[in-house]
């Protein structure tokens, strides 16, 4: 039996999510204008990703939060911040989960 991953705190959501949903803290400004750095993003691995949605994807040994863009047979991960590059996906199996909502704290 696999060990469960460690977590630091519970996140309460009002969204309709599966029991497998989880949250991730946005740790960079690649999605500024849509998801601020430090925001909590709720992801659900049981929701199928569609073009235009925010997804969590595995790129090499890293996980990234980006907008999924499907253009014919090609799929890309697009940032909002133009200072970051668009990433071409080898396969949609790199998608870990689909974004459901964002929680932020007011200053």
N, C-alpha and C. Protein backbone atom coordinates (compact mmCIF):
# COMPACT_ATOMS: atom_id res chain seq x y z
N UNK A 1 0.84 -1.18 0.00
CA UNK A 1 0.00 0.00 0.00
C UNK A 1 0.88 1.25 0.00
N UNK A 2 0.56 2.21 -0.87
CA UNK A 2 1.33 3.45 -0.96
C UNK A 2 1.03 4.33 0.24
N UNK A 3 2.05 5.06 0.66
CA UNK A 3 1.84 6.06 1.71
C UNK A 3 1.14 7.27 1.11
N UNK A 4 0.26 7.88 1.89
CA UNK A 4 -0.39 9.11 1.44
C UNK A 4 0.62 10.24 1.48
N UNK A 5 0.53 11.18 0.52
CA UNK A 5 1.46 12.31 0.55
C UNK A 5 1.19 13.18 1.77
N UNK A 6 2.22 13.88 2.20
CA UNK A 6 2.09 14.79 3.34
C UNK A 6 1.28 16.01 2.91
N UNK A 7 0.55 16.58 3.84
CA UNK A 7 -0.14 17.83 3.57
C UNK A 7 0.04 18.73 4.77
N UNK A 8 -0.06 20.03 4.51
CA UNK A 8 0.20 20.98 5.59
C UNK A 8 -1.06 21.52 6.23
N UNK A 9 -2.16 21.54 5.49
CA UNK A 9 -3.41 22.03 6.06
C UNK A 9 -4.58 21.63 5.17
N UNK A 10 -5.77 21.68 5.74
CA UNK A 10 -6.99 21.40 5.00
C UNK A 10 -7.46 22.67 4.32
N UNK A 11 -8.06 22.53 3.16
CA UNK A 11 -8.68 23.66 2.46
C UNK A 11 -10.15 23.34 2.30
N UNK A 12 -11.00 24.19 2.82
CA UNK A 12 -12.45 24.00 2.70
C UNK A 12 -12.93 24.62 1.40
N UNK A 13 -13.74 23.87 0.66
CA UNK A 13 -14.28 24.39 -0.60
C UNK A 13 -15.79 24.24 -0.63
N UNK A 14 -16.43 25.11 -1.37
CA UNK A 14 -17.87 25.01 -1.57
C UNK A 14 -18.18 24.47 -2.96
N UNK A 15 -17.13 24.25 -3.75
CA UNK A 15 -17.30 23.73 -5.11
C UNK A 15 -17.70 22.27 -5.09
N UNK A 16 -18.34 21.82 -6.16
CA UNK A 16 -18.69 20.42 -6.32
C UNK A 16 -17.44 19.70 -6.85
N UNK A 17 -16.74 19.01 -5.96
CA UNK A 17 -15.50 18.31 -6.34
C UNK A 17 -15.58 16.85 -5.92
N UNK A 18 -14.73 16.04 -6.54
CA UNK A 18 -14.66 14.63 -6.19
C UNK A 18 -13.89 14.46 -4.88
N UNK A 19 -13.96 13.28 -4.29
CA UNK A 19 -13.18 13.02 -3.07
C UNK A 19 -11.67 13.06 -3.30
N UNK A 20 -11.24 13.09 -4.56
CA UNK A 20 -9.82 13.10 -4.90
C UNK A 20 -9.27 14.51 -5.12
N UNK A 21 -10.11 15.53 -4.99
CA UNK A 21 -9.68 16.91 -5.21
C UNK A 21 -8.62 17.31 -4.19
N UNK A 22 -7.78 18.25 -4.60
CA UNK A 22 -6.71 18.73 -3.73
C UNK A 22 -6.40 20.18 -4.08
N UNK A 23 -5.60 20.83 -3.26
CA UNK A 23 -5.23 22.22 -3.53
C UNK A 23 -3.73 22.37 -3.65
N UNK A 24 -3.32 23.39 -4.40
CA UNK A 24 -1.92 23.71 -4.61
C UNK A 24 -1.77 25.22 -4.48
N UNK A 25 -0.71 25.66 -3.84
CA UNK A 25 -0.43 27.09 -3.74
C UNK A 25 0.34 27.52 -4.99
N UNK A 26 -0.14 28.57 -5.65
CA UNK A 26 0.54 29.11 -6.83
C UNK A 26 1.84 29.75 -6.37
N UNK A 27 2.97 29.23 -6.87
CA UNK A 27 4.27 29.66 -6.34
C UNK A 27 5.07 30.57 -7.27
N UNK A 28 4.43 31.08 -8.33
CA UNK A 28 5.12 32.02 -9.22
C UNK A 28 4.11 32.97 -9.85
N UNK A 29 4.60 33.88 -10.68
CA UNK A 29 3.70 34.89 -11.27
C UNK A 29 3.36 34.60 -12.74
N UNK A 30 3.49 33.35 -13.17
CA UNK A 30 3.24 33.01 -14.57
C UNK A 30 1.78 33.16 -14.97
N UNK A 31 0.89 33.17 -13.99
CA UNK A 31 -0.54 33.29 -14.29
C UNK A 31 -1.14 34.59 -13.73
N UNK A 32 -0.25 35.56 -13.38
CA UNK A 32 -0.73 36.84 -12.85
C UNK A 32 -1.75 37.47 -13.78
N UNK A 33 -2.79 38.02 -13.21
CA UNK A 33 -3.91 38.55 -13.98
C UNK A 33 -5.07 37.59 -13.94
N UNK A 34 -4.78 36.33 -13.64
CA UNK A 34 -5.81 35.30 -13.51
C UNK A 34 -5.68 34.60 -12.16
N UNK A 35 -4.46 34.17 -11.84
CA UNK A 35 -4.18 33.51 -10.56
C UNK A 35 -2.98 34.21 -9.94
N UNK A 36 -3.19 34.97 -8.86
CA UNK A 36 -2.05 35.66 -8.25
C UNK A 36 -1.12 34.70 -7.52
N UNK A 37 0.15 35.08 -7.45
CA UNK A 37 1.12 34.30 -6.70
C UNK A 37 0.65 34.20 -5.24
N UNK A 38 0.70 33.02 -4.66
CA UNK A 38 0.26 32.79 -3.29
C UNK A 38 -1.19 32.34 -3.17
N UNK A 39 -1.95 32.37 -4.27
CA UNK A 39 -3.34 31.92 -4.25
C UNK A 39 -3.40 30.40 -4.11
N UNK A 40 -4.50 29.92 -3.56
CA UNK A 40 -4.73 28.48 -3.45
C UNK A 40 -5.61 28.07 -4.63
N UNK A 41 -5.15 27.11 -5.41
CA UNK A 41 -5.89 26.63 -6.58
C UNK A 41 -6.43 25.24 -6.25
N UNK A 42 -7.73 25.06 -6.42
CA UNK A 42 -8.37 23.77 -6.18
C UNK A 42 -8.38 23.00 -7.49
N UNK A 43 -7.86 21.77 -7.45
CA UNK A 43 -7.81 20.91 -8.62
C UNK A 43 -8.58 19.63 -8.38
N UNK A 44 -9.16 19.10 -9.45
CA UNK A 44 -9.89 17.83 -9.36
C UNK A 44 -9.39 16.90 -10.46
N UNK A 45 -8.72 15.81 -10.08
CA UNK A 45 -8.20 14.88 -11.10
C UNK A 45 -9.30 14.08 -11.80
N UNK A 46 -10.52 14.11 -11.27
CA UNK A 46 -11.61 13.36 -11.88
C UNK A 46 -12.37 14.17 -12.94
N UNK A 47 -12.03 15.44 -13.12
CA UNK A 47 -12.65 16.27 -14.15
C UNK A 47 -11.78 16.25 -15.40
N UNK A 48 -12.38 15.95 -16.53
CA UNK A 48 -11.64 15.89 -17.79
C UNK A 48 -11.22 17.28 -18.24
N UNK A 49 -9.96 17.46 -18.62
CA UNK A 49 -9.50 18.78 -19.06
C UNK A 49 -10.00 19.10 -20.46
N UNK A 50 -10.34 20.38 -20.65
CA UNK A 50 -10.79 20.87 -21.95
C UNK A 50 -9.96 22.10 -22.30
N UNK A 51 -9.86 22.40 -23.57
CA UNK A 51 -9.12 23.57 -24.02
C UNK A 51 -9.70 24.82 -23.36
N UNK A 52 -8.81 25.68 -22.88
CA UNK A 52 -9.22 26.91 -22.23
C UNK A 52 -9.26 26.82 -20.71
N UNK A 53 -9.18 25.61 -20.16
CA UNK A 53 -9.23 25.44 -18.72
C UNK A 53 -7.83 25.51 -18.11
N UNK A 54 -7.78 25.83 -16.82
CA UNK A 54 -6.53 25.83 -16.07
C UNK A 54 -6.27 24.40 -15.62
N UNK A 55 -5.04 23.94 -15.79
CA UNK A 55 -4.69 22.57 -15.43
C UNK A 55 -3.39 22.54 -14.64
N UNK A 56 -3.20 21.45 -13.93
CA UNK A 56 -1.93 21.13 -13.29
C UNK A 56 -1.33 20.01 -14.13
N UNK A 57 -0.12 20.22 -14.63
CA UNK A 57 0.50 19.23 -15.52
C UNK A 57 1.90 18.91 -15.05
N UNK A 58 2.34 17.70 -15.38
CA UNK A 58 3.69 17.26 -15.05
C UNK A 58 4.59 17.50 -16.26
N UNK A 59 5.63 18.30 -16.03
CA UNK A 59 6.62 18.58 -17.07
C UNK A 59 7.97 18.18 -16.49
N UNK A 60 8.51 17.08 -16.97
CA UNK A 60 9.75 16.55 -16.38
C UNK A 60 9.49 16.17 -14.94
N UNK A 61 10.28 16.71 -14.02
CA UNK A 61 10.10 16.44 -12.59
C UNK A 61 9.30 17.53 -11.89
N UNK A 62 8.78 18.48 -12.64
CA UNK A 62 8.06 19.61 -12.05
C UNK A 62 6.57 19.54 -12.37
N UNK A 63 5.79 20.19 -11.53
CA UNK A 63 4.36 20.37 -11.80
C UNK A 63 4.13 21.85 -12.08
N UNK A 64 3.35 22.15 -13.11
CA UNK A 64 3.09 23.54 -13.50
C UNK A 64 1.59 23.78 -13.60
N UNK A 65 1.21 25.02 -13.31
CA UNK A 65 -0.18 25.46 -13.45
C UNK A 65 -0.23 26.39 -14.64
N UNK A 66 -1.01 26.02 -15.65
CA UNK A 66 -1.11 26.81 -16.88
C UNK A 66 -2.49 26.61 -17.50
N UNK A 67 -2.77 27.40 -18.53
CA UNK A 67 -4.01 27.27 -19.30
C UNK A 67 -3.77 26.25 -20.42
N UNK A 68 -4.66 25.28 -20.54
CA UNK A 68 -4.55 24.27 -21.59
C UNK A 68 -5.11 24.82 -22.89
N UNK A 69 -4.32 24.71 -23.95
CA UNK A 69 -4.76 25.13 -25.28
C UNK A 69 -4.61 23.93 -26.20
N UNK A 70 -5.72 23.48 -26.77
CA UNK A 70 -5.68 22.37 -27.73
C UNK A 70 -5.96 22.95 -29.11
N UNK A 71 -5.02 22.72 -30.03
CA UNK A 71 -5.10 23.24 -31.38
C UNK A 71 -4.91 22.08 -32.34
N UNK A 72 -6.02 21.50 -32.79
CA UNK A 72 -5.95 20.33 -33.66
C UNK A 72 -5.30 19.18 -32.91
N UNK A 73 -4.23 18.59 -33.48
CA UNK A 73 -3.58 17.46 -32.81
C UNK A 73 -2.57 17.88 -31.73
N UNK A 74 -2.33 19.18 -31.62
CA UNK A 74 -1.32 19.67 -30.67
C UNK A 74 -1.98 20.24 -29.42
N UNK A 75 -1.27 20.12 -28.29
CA UNK A 75 -1.73 20.68 -27.03
C UNK A 75 -0.59 21.46 -26.39
N UNK A 76 -0.95 22.59 -25.79
CA UNK A 76 0.04 23.49 -25.19
C UNK A 76 -0.41 23.92 -23.80
N UNK A 77 0.56 24.33 -22.99
CA UNK A 77 0.30 24.94 -21.69
C UNK A 77 0.72 26.39 -21.83
N UNK A 78 -0.25 27.30 -21.71
CA UNK A 78 0.01 28.71 -21.94
C UNK A 78 -0.03 29.50 -20.64
N UNK A 79 0.98 30.35 -20.41
CA UNK A 79 0.95 31.24 -19.26
C UNK A 79 0.13 32.48 -19.59
N UNK A 80 -0.28 33.24 -18.58
CA UNK A 80 -0.91 34.54 -18.79
C UNK A 80 0.18 35.60 -18.91
N UNK A 81 1.21 35.47 -18.07
CA UNK A 81 2.33 36.41 -18.05
C UNK A 81 3.22 36.14 -19.26
N UNK A 82 3.40 37.15 -20.11
CA UNK A 82 4.20 36.98 -21.34
C UNK A 82 5.68 36.76 -21.07
N UNK A 83 6.11 36.90 -19.82
CA UNK A 83 7.50 36.64 -19.47
C UNK A 83 7.82 35.16 -19.38
N UNK A 84 6.82 34.32 -19.53
CA UNK A 84 6.99 32.86 -19.48
C UNK A 84 6.69 32.27 -20.84
N UNK A 85 7.30 31.14 -21.13
CA UNK A 85 7.13 30.48 -22.42
C UNK A 85 5.94 29.52 -22.41
N UNK A 86 5.33 29.35 -23.57
CA UNK A 86 4.31 28.33 -23.78
C UNK A 86 5.02 26.99 -23.89
N UNK A 87 4.43 25.96 -23.31
CA UNK A 87 5.03 24.63 -23.29
C UNK A 87 4.19 23.69 -24.14
N UNK A 88 4.82 22.98 -25.08
CA UNK A 88 4.08 22.00 -25.87
C UNK A 88 4.04 20.69 -25.10
N UNK A 89 2.86 20.09 -25.03
CA UNK A 89 2.70 18.80 -24.35
C UNK A 89 2.99 17.66 -25.31
N UNK A 90 3.65 16.64 -24.80
CA UNK A 90 3.86 15.43 -25.59
C UNK A 90 2.57 14.64 -25.66
N UNK A 91 1.80 14.70 -24.56
CA UNK A 91 0.56 13.93 -24.46
C UNK A 91 -0.34 14.54 -23.39
N UNK A 92 -1.65 14.40 -23.56
CA UNK A 92 -2.58 14.88 -22.54
C UNK A 92 -2.48 14.07 -21.25
N UNK A 93 -1.77 12.94 -21.28
CA UNK A 93 -1.58 12.16 -20.06
C UNK A 93 -0.68 12.90 -19.07
N UNK A 94 -0.04 13.98 -19.51
CA UNK A 94 0.77 14.79 -18.61
C UNK A 94 -0.11 15.65 -17.70
N UNK A 95 -1.39 15.76 -18.01
CA UNK A 95 -2.32 16.53 -17.19
C UNK A 95 -2.62 15.74 -15.92
N UNK A 96 -2.36 16.34 -14.77
CA UNK A 96 -2.62 15.70 -13.48
C UNK A 96 -4.05 15.95 -13.04
N UNK A 97 -4.51 17.20 -13.18
CA UNK A 97 -5.84 17.56 -12.71
C UNK A 97 -6.30 18.86 -13.37
N UNK A 98 -7.61 19.08 -13.32
CA UNK A 98 -8.22 20.27 -13.89
C UNK A 98 -8.57 21.25 -12.78
N UNK A 99 -8.30 22.53 -13.02
CA UNK A 99 -8.61 23.56 -12.03
C UNK A 99 -10.11 23.74 -11.88
N UNK A 100 -10.52 23.95 -10.63
CA UNK A 100 -11.93 24.14 -10.30
C UNK A 100 -12.19 25.57 -9.82
N UNK A 101 -11.33 26.06 -8.93
CA UNK A 101 -11.50 27.41 -8.39
C UNK A 101 -10.20 27.92 -7.79
N UNK A 102 -10.21 29.22 -7.47
CA UNK A 102 -9.05 29.88 -6.88
C UNK A 102 -9.50 30.58 -5.61
N UNK A 103 -8.70 30.44 -4.56
CA UNK A 103 -8.95 31.14 -3.30
C UNK A 103 -7.78 32.06 -3.03
N UNK A 104 -8.09 33.32 -2.75
CA UNK A 104 -7.03 34.27 -2.42
C UNK A 104 -7.38 35.01 -1.14
N UNK A 105 -6.37 35.50 -0.47
CA UNK A 105 -6.56 36.30 0.72
C UNK A 105 -6.38 37.76 0.35
N UNK A 106 -7.22 38.60 0.88
CA UNK A 106 -7.10 40.04 0.64
C UNK A 106 -5.97 40.60 1.48
N UNK A 107 -5.27 41.61 0.94
CA UNK A 107 -4.15 42.18 1.70
C UNK A 107 -4.63 42.90 2.96
